[in-house]
Structures are given as structure tokens and as C-alpha cells.
Amino acid sequence: MSPRARRATALLGLLALAGCSATERTPASVVESYFDCLAVDPLRTLPLLTPEFHRRHALRAVTQAEAQAWISRRESASQLDPERAEPELSTDRFQLAWLSIQGRPEFARLARESARSVLDVRESNDEAEVITRIEPRNGPPFEQSFRLAREGTGSAWRIDAVEQRGVVSANAVAAFVAYPNERSRRALEALTRGRGGD
């Protein structure tokens, strides 16, 4: 590829990223961008999310040695606490795990098939909450509430935390796609094992 073609490709990439940038003006538009990017390219969600968001979802990329050590400590329940975000892990390890899960084609399809709507927006100074309703193609609807923060007036709003309500076994996969997190991953894994034993 010629240098000119590489520059054109890079420019197109930057323009595409602009569609899901963190510089959206309102909390609701940041949440809309979050959903749009999940269905297109999860990498574009990263500018919309705070580092704390990634520690809260608790998904993490591990090396093979870490995985082996994790398995050998399985008998210790405290080592398996899904809410435990180990401080020695850098944000990029959480981001990598987030992207590896969201990058699955079947998840992108589910994200595209789920209808969503904003129910309420509450904004106070540099904090905001956006409550959404998600209607999966299969399964009952559920609510997903986003807490957003910004560094000050004029700064970009970024998603800091997510909470879900109304998640049941019939919509658990769609809920996981809308907000992948370690607790839900473990619940889905247990549900899958339970169905396999029927």
C-alpha cells in the first residue's frame, strides 16, 4: 500500500471513530453512541468509558500462567470473588477482556437486534443518569441504567457505571451483550451448566 493510500485509510478510520467519540454533547447521546458502537465496532466504545467502568465490570485478560494459578487456587472462594478488581492490573487488561467478549459476531448481531429507548435522563452538575429500556428480539425487556461523569462543564461525558433491572434467564444473554461483566458471565455459565444437566 502506498503512503498516500495509508494516509487515506487512516483518515477514514478517524472519521469512523468520530461517529462514536466521547465528545457527544449530552449524556443521552453518549449512551446512544455506546449502543451503536457495540453493534458496529466495540473498540469505539473505549473513549465513551471511564477507567473505573472497566474495573467495575471486572472482566480481565490473563496470561496462561495467571490462568493456571487461578485454577490451582479454585478452592479458595475469596480468590474467585467476581467483584474483586485487583489493583495491580492495569486498565488495558480490563479493556482487552471487554473487547474480546464484545468482538464476537453473534454478540454484535444480538446488539443490532435489540430495540432500545431512553426512558429518563437526570443531570446534576458533573454527574448524570440515563435510564434505558432494552427489548431483545427474544425474551422480555429489561432496564439498563447508566451513570455518567465529566471532569467539568464543557468536558466530555463518559459512562462510569451500569446497573440492570429485570434480567431473567430468558433475557440474560441479551443483558450480557448490553453490559458484559464478570458477575453476569458467571451467572450465564451456571445457567448453561444447569441446562446441560437437564
N, C-alpha and C. Protein backbone atom coordinates (compact mmCIF):
# COMPACT_ATOMS: atom_id res chain seq x y z
N MET A 1 0.85 -1.18 0.00
CA MET A 1 0.00 0.00 0.00
C MET A 1 0.89 1.24 0.00
N SER A 2 0.55 2.20 -0.83
CA SER A 2 1.34 3.42 -0.94
C SER A 2 1.14 4.30 0.29
N PRO A 3 2.11 5.21 0.54
CA PRO A 3 1.93 6.13 1.68
C PRO A 3 0.64 6.94 1.57
N ARG A 4 0.28 7.33 0.36
CA ARG A 4 -0.94 8.10 0.17
C ARG A 4 -2.18 7.27 0.53
N ALA A 5 -2.18 6.01 0.13
CA ALA A 5 -3.31 5.12 0.45
C ALA A 5 -3.39 4.87 1.95
N ARG A 6 -2.22 4.74 2.60
CA ARG A 6 -2.21 4.54 4.05
C ARG A 6 -2.79 5.75 4.77
N ARG A 7 -2.42 6.96 4.30
CA ARG A 7 -2.96 8.18 4.91
C ARG A 7 -4.47 8.26 4.72
N ALA A 8 -4.94 7.90 3.54
CA ALA A 8 -6.39 7.94 3.27
C ALA A 8 -7.12 6.93 4.16
N THR A 9 -6.54 5.75 4.32
CA THR A 9 -7.15 4.73 5.18
C THR A 9 -7.19 5.21 6.63
N ALA A 10 -6.11 5.82 7.08
CA ALA A 10 -6.06 6.33 8.46
C ALA A 10 -7.10 7.42 8.65
N LEU A 11 -7.25 8.31 7.66
CA LEU A 11 -8.24 9.38 7.75
C LEU A 11 -9.66 8.82 7.82
N LEU A 12 -9.94 7.80 7.00
CA LEU A 12 -11.26 7.17 7.05
C LEU A 12 -11.51 6.54 8.41
N GLY A 13 -10.48 5.93 8.98
CA GLY A 13 -10.61 5.34 10.32
C GLY A 13 -10.93 6.39 11.37
N LEU A 14 -10.25 7.54 11.29
CA LEU A 14 -10.52 8.62 12.24
C LEU A 14 -11.92 9.17 12.09
N LEU A 15 -12.38 9.30 10.84
CA LEU A 15 -13.74 9.79 10.61
C LEU A 15 -14.77 8.80 11.15
N ALA A 16 -14.50 7.50 10.99
CA ALA A 16 -15.41 6.49 11.52
C ALA A 16 -15.47 6.55 13.04
N LEU A 17 -14.31 6.74 13.65
CA LEU A 17 -14.27 6.83 15.11
C LEU A 17 -15.02 8.05 15.62
N ALA A 18 -15.04 9.09 14.83
CA ALA A 18 -15.73 10.31 15.26
C ALA A 18 -17.21 10.06 15.50
N GLY A 19 -17.79 9.09 14.80
CA GLY A 19 -19.20 8.77 14.99
C GLY A 19 -19.49 8.23 16.38
N CYS A 20 -18.50 7.70 17.07
CA CYS A 20 -18.70 7.13 18.41
C CYS A 20 -17.75 7.79 19.40
N SER A 21 -17.46 9.04 19.22
CA SER A 21 -16.48 9.70 20.09
C SER A 21 -17.08 10.10 21.42
N ALA A 22 -16.19 10.38 22.37
CA ALA A 22 -16.62 10.78 23.71
C ALA A 22 -17.02 12.25 23.77
N THR A 23 -16.94 12.95 22.65
CA THR A 23 -17.26 14.38 22.66
C THR A 23 -18.74 14.65 22.39
N GLU A 24 -19.57 13.63 22.51
CA GLU A 24 -21.01 13.84 22.37
C GLU A 24 -21.44 14.89 23.39
N ARG A 25 -22.49 15.65 23.08
CA ARG A 25 -22.84 16.79 23.92
C ARG A 25 -23.73 16.45 25.11
N THR A 26 -24.53 15.41 25.02
CA THR A 26 -25.45 15.12 26.12
C THR A 26 -25.20 13.71 26.64
N PRO A 27 -25.57 13.44 27.89
CA PRO A 27 -25.46 12.08 28.43
C PRO A 27 -26.24 11.07 27.59
N ALA A 28 -27.44 11.45 27.14
CA ALA A 28 -28.26 10.52 26.34
C ALA A 28 -27.58 10.17 25.03
N SER A 29 -26.93 11.13 24.39
CA SER A 29 -26.26 10.83 23.11
C SER A 29 -25.02 9.97 23.31
N VAL A 30 -24.37 10.08 24.47
CA VAL A 30 -23.24 9.19 24.77
C VAL A 30 -23.74 7.76 24.90
N VAL A 31 -24.87 7.58 25.58
CA VAL A 31 -25.45 6.25 25.75
C VAL A 31 -25.88 5.69 24.40
N GLU A 32 -26.49 6.51 23.56
CA GLU A 32 -26.86 6.06 22.21
C GLU A 32 -25.63 5.63 21.43
N SER A 33 -24.55 6.39 21.53
CA SER A 33 -23.31 6.02 20.85
C SER A 33 -22.76 4.70 21.38
N TYR A 34 -22.86 4.51 22.68
CA TYR A 34 -22.41 3.25 23.29
C TYR A 34 -23.11 2.07 22.62
N PHE A 35 -24.44 2.14 22.53
CA PHE A 35 -25.19 1.05 21.92
C PHE A 35 -24.86 0.90 20.44
N ASP A 36 -24.76 2.03 19.72
CA ASP A 36 -24.44 1.97 18.30
C ASP A 36 -23.09 1.31 18.06
N CYS A 37 -22.12 1.65 18.91
CA CYS A 37 -20.77 1.11 18.73
C CYS A 37 -20.70 -0.37 19.09
N LEU A 38 -21.48 -0.82 20.05
CA LEU A 38 -21.48 -2.24 20.39
C LEU A 38 -21.87 -3.07 19.17
N ALA A 39 -22.81 -2.57 18.40
CA ALA A 39 -23.31 -3.32 17.25
C ALA A 39 -22.42 -3.19 16.02
N VAL A 40 -21.49 -2.24 16.03
CA VAL A 40 -20.65 -2.00 14.85
C VAL A 40 -19.20 -2.37 15.12
N ASP A 41 -18.62 -1.74 16.14
CA ASP A 41 -17.21 -1.96 16.46
C ASP A 41 -16.99 -1.58 17.92
N PRO A 42 -16.92 -2.57 18.83
CA PRO A 42 -16.79 -2.28 20.26
C PRO A 42 -15.55 -1.45 20.61
N LEU A 43 -14.55 -1.47 19.77
CA LEU A 43 -13.35 -0.66 20.04
C LEU A 43 -13.73 0.81 20.19
N ARG A 44 -14.76 1.21 19.49
CA ARG A 44 -15.20 2.61 19.53
C ARG A 44 -15.87 2.98 20.84
N THR A 45 -16.19 1.99 21.67
CA THR A 45 -16.78 2.32 22.97
C THR A 45 -15.73 2.86 23.94
N LEU A 46 -14.46 2.56 23.73
CA LEU A 46 -13.44 2.90 24.73
C LEU A 46 -13.39 4.39 25.09
N PRO A 47 -13.49 5.32 24.12
CA PRO A 47 -13.48 6.73 24.52
C PRO A 47 -14.71 7.16 25.31
N LEU A 48 -15.75 6.33 25.30
CA LEU A 48 -17.00 6.66 25.99
C LEU A 48 -17.01 6.19 27.44
N LEU A 49 -15.98 5.45 27.86
CA LEU A 49 -15.97 4.77 29.15
C LEU A 49 -14.82 5.25 30.02
N THR A 50 -15.07 5.37 31.33
CA THR A 50 -14.01 5.75 32.27
C THR A 50 -13.18 4.51 32.63
N PRO A 51 -11.96 4.70 33.13
CA PRO A 51 -11.18 3.55 33.63
C PRO A 51 -11.93 2.80 34.74
N GLU A 52 -12.66 3.53 35.58
CA GLU A 52 -13.40 2.89 36.66
C GLU A 52 -14.50 1.97 36.13
N PHE A 53 -15.09 2.32 34.99
CA PHE A 53 -16.09 1.46 34.36
C PHE A 53 -15.50 0.08 34.12
N HIS A 54 -14.27 0.03 33.62
CA HIS A 54 -13.64 -1.25 33.30
C HIS A 54 -13.33 -2.05 34.56
N ARG A 55 -12.94 -1.37 35.62
CA ARG A 55 -12.69 -2.10 36.87
C ARG A 55 -14.00 -2.64 37.44
N ARG A 56 -15.09 -1.92 37.23
CA ARG A 56 -16.38 -2.37 37.76
C ARG A 56 -16.92 -3.59 37.01
N HIS A 57 -16.70 -3.67 35.70
CA HIS A 57 -17.21 -4.85 35.00
C HIS A 57 -16.40 -6.10 35.37
N ALA A 58 -15.17 -5.91 35.83
CA ALA A 58 -14.34 -6.97 36.42
C ALA A 58 -13.91 -8.06 35.45
N LEU A 59 -14.21 -7.93 34.17
CA LEU A 59 -13.66 -8.86 33.19
C LEU A 59 -12.19 -8.52 33.03
N ARG A 60 -11.35 -9.52 32.93
CA ARG A 60 -9.92 -9.24 32.80
C ARG A 60 -9.24 -10.24 31.90
N ALA A 61 -8.28 -9.75 31.16
CA ALA A 61 -7.44 -10.63 30.35
C ALA A 61 -6.32 -11.15 31.24
N VAL A 62 -6.05 -12.44 31.13
CA VAL A 62 -5.00 -13.03 31.96
C VAL A 62 -4.03 -13.80 31.07
N THR A 63 -2.81 -13.93 31.56
CA THR A 63 -1.82 -14.73 30.86
C THR A 63 -2.09 -16.21 31.16
N GLN A 64 -1.42 -17.08 30.43
CA GLN A 64 -1.59 -18.51 30.67
C GLN A 64 -1.14 -18.88 32.08
N ALA A 65 -0.05 -18.30 32.53
CA ALA A 65 0.45 -18.59 33.88
C ALA A 65 -0.57 -18.13 34.94
N GLU A 66 -1.17 -16.96 34.72
CA GLU A 66 -2.19 -16.48 35.67
C GLU A 66 -3.41 -17.38 35.68
N ALA A 67 -3.80 -17.87 34.51
CA ALA A 67 -4.94 -18.79 34.43
C ALA A 67 -4.65 -20.07 35.20
N GLN A 68 -3.44 -20.61 35.04
CA GLN A 68 -3.06 -21.84 35.77
C GLN A 68 -3.07 -21.59 37.28
N ALA A 69 -2.54 -20.44 37.70
CA ALA A 69 -2.53 -20.11 39.13
C ALA A 69 -3.96 -19.96 39.64
N TRP A 70 -4.82 -19.36 38.83
CA TRP A 70 -6.23 -19.18 39.20
C TRP A 70 -6.89 -20.53 39.43
N ILE A 71 -6.65 -21.48 38.52
CA ILE A 71 -7.23 -22.82 38.64
C ILE A 71 -6.72 -23.52 39.89
N SER A 72 -5.43 -23.38 40.17
CA SER A 72 -4.85 -24.07 41.33
C SER A 72 -5.38 -23.51 42.65
N ARG A 73 -5.89 -22.26 42.63
CA ARG A 73 -6.43 -21.66 43.85
C ARG A 73 -7.95 -21.76 43.92
N ARG A 74 -8.55 -22.55 43.07
CA ARG A 74 -10.01 -22.61 42.94
C ARG A 74 -10.72 -22.91 44.26
N GLU A 75 -10.05 -23.64 45.14
CA GLU A 75 -10.70 -23.98 46.41
C GLU A 75 -10.87 -22.78 47.32
N SER A 76 -10.16 -21.69 47.07
CA SER A 76 -10.26 -20.50 47.90
C SER A 76 -11.32 -19.56 47.32
N ALA A 77 -12.48 -19.47 47.97
CA ALA A 77 -13.59 -18.66 47.45
C ALA A 77 -13.22 -17.19 47.32
N SER A 78 -12.37 -16.68 48.20
CA SER A 78 -12.03 -15.26 48.13
C SER A 78 -11.26 -14.93 46.87
N GLN A 79 -10.55 -15.90 46.32
CA GLN A 79 -9.80 -15.67 45.09
C GLN A 79 -10.73 -15.59 43.88
N LEU A 80 -11.96 -16.10 44.01
CA LEU A 80 -12.88 -16.14 42.88
C LEU A 80 -13.96 -15.06 42.94
N ASP A 81 -13.83 -14.13 43.86
CA ASP A 81 -14.82 -13.08 44.02
C ASP A 81 -14.87 -12.24 42.75
N PRO A 82 -15.99 -12.25 41.99
CA PRO A 82 -16.05 -11.51 40.73
C PRO A 82 -16.00 -10.01 40.90
N GLU A 83 -16.27 -9.51 42.10
CA GLU A 83 -16.23 -8.07 42.34
C GLU A 83 -14.82 -7.58 42.67
N ARG A 84 -13.92 -8.49 42.88
CA ARG A 84 -12.56 -8.11 43.30
C ARG A 84 -11.77 -7.66 42.08
N ALA A 85 -11.48 -6.39 42.00
CA ALA A 85 -10.66 -5.85 40.91
C ALA A 85 -9.25 -5.67 41.45
N GLU A 86 -8.36 -6.52 41.01
CA GLU A 86 -7.02 -6.49 41.55
C GLU A 86 -6.31 -5.20 41.15
N PRO A 87 -5.79 -4.44 42.11
CA PRO A 87 -5.21 -3.14 41.79
C PRO A 87 -3.97 -3.23 40.92
N GLU A 88 -3.28 -4.38 40.94
CA GLU A 88 -2.06 -4.47 40.15
C GLU A 88 -2.33 -4.61 38.65
N LEU A 89 -3.58 -4.88 38.28
CA LEU A 89 -3.91 -4.99 36.87
C LEU A 89 -4.15 -3.60 36.29
N SER A 90 -3.57 -3.34 35.14
CA SER A 90 -3.76 -2.03 34.51
C SER A 90 -5.07 -2.01 33.75
N THR A 91 -5.55 -0.82 33.48
CA THR A 91 -6.84 -0.65 32.80
C THR A 91 -6.88 -1.39 31.47
N ASP A 92 -5.75 -1.44 30.77
CA ASP A 92 -5.78 -2.08 29.45
C ASP A 92 -6.07 -3.57 29.53
N ARG A 93 -5.79 -4.23 30.66
CA ARG A 93 -6.13 -5.64 30.82
C ARG A 93 -7.65 -5.81 30.91
N PHE A 94 -8.32 -4.88 31.56
CA PHE A 94 -9.79 -4.91 31.63
C PHE A 94 -10.38 -4.57 30.26
N GLN A 95 -9.80 -3.58 29.58
CA GLN A 95 -10.29 -3.18 28.27
C GLN A 95 -10.15 -4.32 27.26
N LEU A 96 -9.03 -5.02 27.31
CA LEU A 96 -8.79 -6.13 26.39
C LEU A 96 -9.84 -7.23 26.59
N ALA A 97 -10.15 -7.55 27.83
CA ALA A 97 -11.18 -8.56 28.11
C ALA A 97 -12.54 -8.09 27.59
N TRP A 98 -12.87 -6.82 27.83
CA TRP A 98 -14.12 -6.23 27.35
C TRP A 98 -14.24 -6.37 25.84
N LEU A 99 -13.17 -6.02 25.12
CA LEU A 99 -13.20 -6.06 23.67
C LEU A 99 -13.24 -7.49 23.14
N SER A 100 -12.54 -8.42 23.81
CA SER A 100 -12.51 -9.79 23.31
C SER A 100 -13.90 -10.42 23.41
N ILE A 101 -14.68 -10.04 24.42
CA ILE A 101 -16.04 -10.56 24.53
C ILE A 101 -16.96 -9.86 23.55
N GLN A 102 -16.87 -8.54 23.49
CA GLN A 102 -17.77 -7.78 22.63
C GLN A 102 -17.49 -8.00 21.15
N GLY A 103 -16.30 -8.43 20.81
CA GLY A 103 -15.94 -8.60 19.40
C GLY A 103 -16.55 -9.82 18.74
N ARG A 104 -17.27 -10.64 19.47
CA ARG A 104 -17.85 -11.85 18.89
C ARG A 104 -19.00 -11.49 17.94
N PRO A 105 -18.98 -12.05 16.73
CA PRO A 105 -20.02 -11.71 15.74
C PRO A 105 -21.45 -11.96 16.23
N GLU A 106 -21.66 -13.04 17.00
CA GLU A 106 -23.02 -13.32 17.47
C GLU A 106 -23.48 -12.27 18.47
N PHE A 107 -22.55 -11.68 19.22
CA PHE A 107 -22.92 -10.61 20.15
C PHE A 107 -23.27 -9.33 19.39
N ALA A 108 -22.51 -9.05 18.33
CA ALA A 108 -22.83 -7.87 17.51
C ALA A 108 -24.22 -8.01 16.90
N ARG A 109 -24.55 -9.23 16.45
CA ARG A 109 -25.88 -9.48 15.88
C ARG A 109 -26.97 -9.25 16.93
N LEU A 110 -26.77 -9.79 18.13
CA LEU A 110 -27.75 -9.59 19.20
C LEU A 110 -27.89 -8.12 19.57
N ALA A 111 -26.78 -7.39 19.58
CA ALA A 111 -26.83 -5.97 19.89
C ALA A 111 -27.64 -5.22 18.83
N ARG A 112 -27.47 -5.58 17.57
CA ARG A 112 -28.23 -4.93 16.49
C ARG A 112 -29.72 -5.25 16.57
N GLU A 113 -30.05 -6.48 17.01
CA GLU A 113 -31.45 -6.93 17.01
C GLU A 113 -32.24 -6.40 18.21
N SER A 114 -31.57 -5.94 19.24
CA SER A 114 -32.28 -5.45 20.43
C SER A 114 -32.71 -4.00 20.22
N ALA A 115 -34.01 -3.74 20.41
CA ALA A 115 -34.51 -2.36 20.34
C ALA A 115 -34.21 -1.69 21.68
N ARG A 116 -34.00 -0.40 21.64
CA ARG A 116 -33.70 0.32 22.89
C ARG A 116 -34.33 1.70 22.83
N SER A 117 -34.63 2.22 24.01
CA SER A 117 -35.18 3.56 24.10
C SER A 117 -34.74 4.19 25.41
N VAL A 118 -34.59 5.50 25.39
CA VAL A 118 -34.24 6.25 26.59
C VAL A 118 -35.52 6.58 27.35
N LEU A 119 -35.59 6.16 28.61
CA LEU A 119 -36.78 6.41 29.44
C LEU A 119 -36.67 7.70 30.24
N ASP A 120 -35.46 7.99 30.72
CA ASP A 120 -35.30 9.16 31.59
C ASP A 120 -33.84 9.59 31.60
N VAL A 121 -33.62 10.88 31.75
CA VAL A 121 -32.28 11.45 31.89
C VAL A 121 -32.30 12.40 33.07
N ARG A 122 -31.37 12.21 33.98
CA ARG A 122 -31.23 13.09 35.14
C ARG A 122 -29.80 13.61 35.14
N GLU A 123 -29.68 14.92 35.21
CA GLU A 123 -28.35 15.54 35.15
C GLU A 123 -28.20 16.53 36.30
N SER A 124 -27.09 16.44 36.99
CA SER A 124 -26.80 17.35 38.10
C SER A 124 -25.31 17.66 38.10
N ASN A 125 -24.97 18.89 37.73
CA ASN A 125 -23.57 19.31 37.66
C ASN A 125 -22.77 18.38 36.76
N ASP A 126 -21.82 17.64 37.33
CA ASP A 126 -20.94 16.80 36.53
C ASP A 126 -21.27 15.31 36.64
N GLU A 127 -22.50 15.01 37.05
CA GLU A 127 -22.97 13.64 37.11
C GLU A 127 -24.31 13.54 36.40
N ALA A 128 -24.56 12.38 35.80
CA ALA A 128 -25.83 12.17 35.10
C ALA A 128 -26.21 10.70 35.17
N GLU A 129 -27.51 10.46 35.01
CA GLU A 129 -28.03 9.10 34.93
C GLU A 129 -28.95 9.02 33.73
N VAL A 130 -28.76 7.99 32.92
CA VAL A 130 -29.61 7.75 31.76
C VAL A 130 -30.20 6.36 31.93
N ILE A 131 -31.53 6.30 31.98
CA ILE A 131 -32.22 5.02 32.14
C ILE A 131 -32.79 4.61 30.78
N THR A 132 -32.45 3.40 30.37
CA THR A 132 -32.89 2.91 29.07
C THR A 132 -33.70 1.63 29.23
N ARG A 133 -34.52 1.37 28.23
CA ARG A 133 -35.28 0.11 28.16
C ARG A 133 -34.73 -0.64 26.95
N ILE A 134 -34.38 -1.90 27.17
CA ILE A 134 -33.85 -2.73 26.09
C ILE A 134 -34.84 -3.87 25.84
N GLU A 135 -35.20 -4.03 24.58
CA GLU A 135 -36.15 -5.07 24.19
C GLU A 135 -35.46 -6.04 23.24
N PRO A 136 -34.99 -7.18 23.78
CA PRO A 136 -34.35 -8.17 22.92
C PRO A 136 -35.34 -8.76 21.93
N ARG A 137 -34.83 -9.27 20.84
CA ARG A 137 -35.70 -9.91 19.86
C ARG A 137 -36.43 -11.10 20.49
N ASN A 138 -35.71 -11.84 21.33
CA ASN A 138 -36.30 -12.96 22.05
C ASN A 138 -36.10 -12.70 23.54
N GLY A 139 -37.18 -12.77 24.29
CA GLY A 139 -37.08 -12.55 25.73
C GLY A 139 -37.71 -11.24 26.15
N PRO A 140 -38.01 -11.12 27.43
CA PRO A 140 -38.67 -9.92 27.93
C PRO A 140 -37.73 -8.72 27.99
N PRO A 141 -38.29 -7.50 27.99
CA PRO A 141 -37.45 -6.30 28.09
C PRO A 141 -36.86 -6.16 29.49
N PHE A 142 -35.81 -5.36 29.58
CA PHE A 142 -35.18 -5.05 30.87
C PHE A 142 -34.69 -3.62 30.82
N GLU A 143 -34.37 -3.08 31.98
CA GLU A 143 -33.85 -1.71 32.06
C GLU A 143 -32.34 -1.74 32.29
N GLN A 144 -31.69 -0.78 31.68
CA GLN A 144 -30.25 -0.60 31.89
C GLN A 144 -30.01 0.87 32.21
N SER A 145 -29.47 1.10 33.40
CA SER A 145 -29.24 2.46 33.89
C SER A 145 -27.75 2.77 33.82
N PHE A 146 -27.42 3.90 33.21
CA PHE A 146 -26.04 4.34 33.05
C PHE A 146 -25.76 5.51 33.98
N ARG A 147 -24.66 5.45 34.71
CA ARG A 147 -24.19 6.60 35.47
C ARG A 147 -23.02 7.20 34.68
N LEU A 148 -23.10 8.49 34.41
CA LEU A 148 -22.07 9.18 33.64
C LEU A 148 -21.42 10.26 34.48
N ALA A 149 -20.20 10.61 34.11
CA ALA A 149 -19.47 11.67 34.82
C ALA A 149 -18.67 12.46 33.79
N ARG A 150 -18.34 13.68 34.19
CA ARG A 150 -17.44 14.51 33.38
C ARG A 150 -16.54 15.29 34.32
N GLU A 151 -15.45 15.77 33.79
CA GLU A 151 -14.46 16.47 34.62
C GLU A 151 -14.83 17.91 34.91
N GLY A 152 -15.80 18.44 34.21
CA GLY A 152 -16.23 19.82 34.41
C GLY A 152 -17.05 20.28 33.22
N THR A 153 -17.69 21.44 33.36
CA THR A 153 -18.51 21.98 32.28
C THR A 153 -17.69 22.08 31.01
N GLY A 154 -18.25 21.56 29.92
CA GLY A 154 -17.55 21.57 28.64
C GLY A 154 -16.73 20.32 28.38
N SER A 155 -16.49 19.52 29.41
CA SER A 155 -15.75 18.27 29.23
C SER A 155 -16.71 17.20 28.71
N ALA A 156 -16.14 16.15 28.16
CA ALA A 156 -16.94 15.06 27.61
C ALA A 156 -17.57 14.23 28.71
N TRP A 157 -18.82 13.85 28.50
CA TRP A 157 -19.48 12.89 29.38
C TRP A 157 -18.94 11.51 29.07
N ARG A 158 -18.69 10.72 30.13
CA ARG A 158 -18.23 9.33 29.93
C ARG A 158 -19.01 8.42 30.87
N ILE A 159 -19.27 7.22 30.42
CA ILE A 159 -20.01 6.24 31.21
C ILE A 159 -19.10 5.69 32.29
N ASP A 160 -19.58 5.75 33.54
CA ASP A 160 -18.78 5.34 34.68
C ASP A 160 -19.26 4.03 35.30
N ALA A 161 -20.56 3.75 35.20
CA ALA A 161 -21.11 2.52 35.79
C ALA A 161 -22.43 2.19 35.11
N VAL A 162 -22.81 0.91 35.21
CA VAL A 162 -24.05 0.42 34.62
C VAL A 162 -24.75 -0.49 35.63
N GLU A 163 -26.07 -0.38 35.67
CA GLU A 163 -26.90 -1.25 36.50
C GLU A 163 -28.03 -1.77 35.64
N GLN A 164 -28.41 -3.03 35.86
CA GLN A 164 -29.52 -3.61 35.10
C GLN A 164 -30.62 -4.08 36.04
N ARG A 165 -31.87 -3.94 35.58
CA ARG A 165 -33.03 -4.41 36.34
C ARG A 165 -33.94 -5.20 35.41
N GLY A 166 -34.53 -6.25 35.96
CA GLY A 166 -35.45 -7.05 35.16
C GLY A 166 -34.77 -8.13 34.34
N VAL A 167 -33.54 -8.49 34.70
CA VAL A 167 -32.82 -9.54 33.98
C VAL A 167 -33.25 -10.90 34.54
N VAL A 168 -33.70 -11.77 33.64
CA VAL A 168 -34.10 -13.14 33.99
C VAL A 168 -33.42 -14.08 33.00
N SER A 169 -33.59 -15.36 33.21
CA SER A 169 -32.89 -16.32 32.35
C SER A 169 -33.24 -16.14 30.87
N ALA A 170 -34.47 -15.72 30.55
CA ALA A 170 -34.91 -15.58 29.16
C ALA A 170 -34.25 -14.41 28.44
N ASN A 171 -33.73 -13.43 29.17
CA ASN A 171 -33.07 -12.30 28.50
C ASN A 171 -31.62 -12.11 28.98
N ALA A 172 -31.09 -13.12 29.68
CA ALA A 172 -29.77 -12.99 30.29
C ALA A 172 -28.66 -12.80 29.26
N VAL A 173 -28.75 -13.46 28.12
CA VAL A 173 -27.71 -13.31 27.10
C VAL A 173 -27.75 -11.90 26.52
N ALA A 174 -28.94 -11.41 26.21
CA ALA A 174 -29.08 -10.04 25.68
C ALA A 174 -28.58 -9.03 26.70
N ALA A 175 -28.84 -9.26 27.98
CA ALA A 175 -28.35 -8.36 29.03
C ALA A 175 -26.84 -8.38 29.10
N PHE A 176 -26.25 -9.55 28.94
CA PHE A 176 -24.78 -9.66 28.96
C PHE A 176 -24.18 -8.92 27.77
N VAL A 177 -24.81 -9.02 26.62
CA VAL A 177 -24.33 -8.31 25.43
C VAL A 177 -24.41 -6.80 25.65
N ALA A 178 -25.49 -6.34 26.29
CA ALA A 178 -25.67 -4.90 26.54
C ALA A 178 -24.70 -4.38 27.59
N TYR A 179 -24.27 -5.25 28.49
CA TYR A 179 -23.28 -4.87 29.50
C TYR A 179 -22.52 -6.11 29.98
N PRO A 180 -21.47 -6.49 29.25
CA PRO A 180 -20.68 -7.64 29.69
C PRO A 180 -20.00 -7.35 31.02
N ASN A 181 -20.12 -8.28 31.95
CA ASN A 181 -19.45 -8.13 33.24
C ASN A 181 -19.23 -9.50 33.84
N GLU A 182 -18.30 -9.58 34.76
CA GLU A 182 -17.91 -10.87 35.31
C GLU A 182 -19.03 -11.56 36.07
N ARG A 183 -19.80 -10.81 36.82
CA ARG A 183 -20.90 -11.41 37.58
C ARG A 183 -21.90 -12.06 36.64
N SER A 184 -22.30 -11.37 35.58
CA SER A 184 -23.25 -11.93 34.62
C SER A 184 -22.65 -13.10 33.85
N ARG A 185 -21.37 -13.02 33.55
CA ARG A 185 -20.71 -14.12 32.85
C ARG A 185 -20.79 -15.40 33.68
N ARG A 186 -20.54 -15.27 34.97
CA ARG A 186 -20.61 -16.43 35.86
C ARG A 186 -22.04 -16.96 35.97
N ALA A 187 -23.01 -16.05 36.02
CA ALA A 187 -24.41 -16.47 36.09
C ALA A 187 -24.81 -17.22 34.82
N LEU A 188 -24.38 -16.72 33.65
CA LEU A 188 -24.67 -17.41 32.39
C LEU A 188 -23.99 -18.77 32.34
N GLU A 189 -22.78 -18.83 32.82
CA GLU A 189 -22.05 -20.10 32.84
C GLU A 189 -22.80 -21.12 33.71
N ALA A 190 -23.27 -20.68 34.88
CA ALA A 190 -24.03 -21.58 35.77
C ALA A 190 -25.35 -21.99 35.11
N LEU A 191 -26.00 -21.05 34.44
CA LEU A 191 -27.27 -21.35 33.76
C LEU A 191 -27.05 -22.37 32.65
N THR A 192 -25.98 -22.22 31.89
CA THR A 192 -25.65 -23.15 30.81
C THR A 192 -25.36 -24.53 31.36
N ARG A 193 -24.60 -24.60 32.46
CA ARG A 193 -24.32 -25.90 33.09
C ARG A 193 -25.60 -26.55 33.56
N GLY A 194 -26.52 -25.75 34.14
CA GLY A 194 -27.78 -26.28 34.64
C GLY A 194 -28.64 -26.84 33.52
N ARG A 195 -28.67 -26.16 32.38
CA ARG A 195 -29.45 -26.65 31.23
C ARG A 195 -28.85 -27.93 30.67
N GLY A 196 -27.51 -27.99 30.71
CA GLY A 196 -26.83 -29.18 30.19
C GLY A 196 -27.12 -30.39 31.03
N GLY A 197 -27.44 -30.17 32.32
CA GLY A 197 -27.70 -31.28 33.22
C GLY A 197 -29.14 -31.74 33.20
N ASP A 198 -30.03 -31.02 32.43
CA ASP A 198 -31.46 -31.39 32.41
C ASP A 198 -31.68 -32.68 31.63
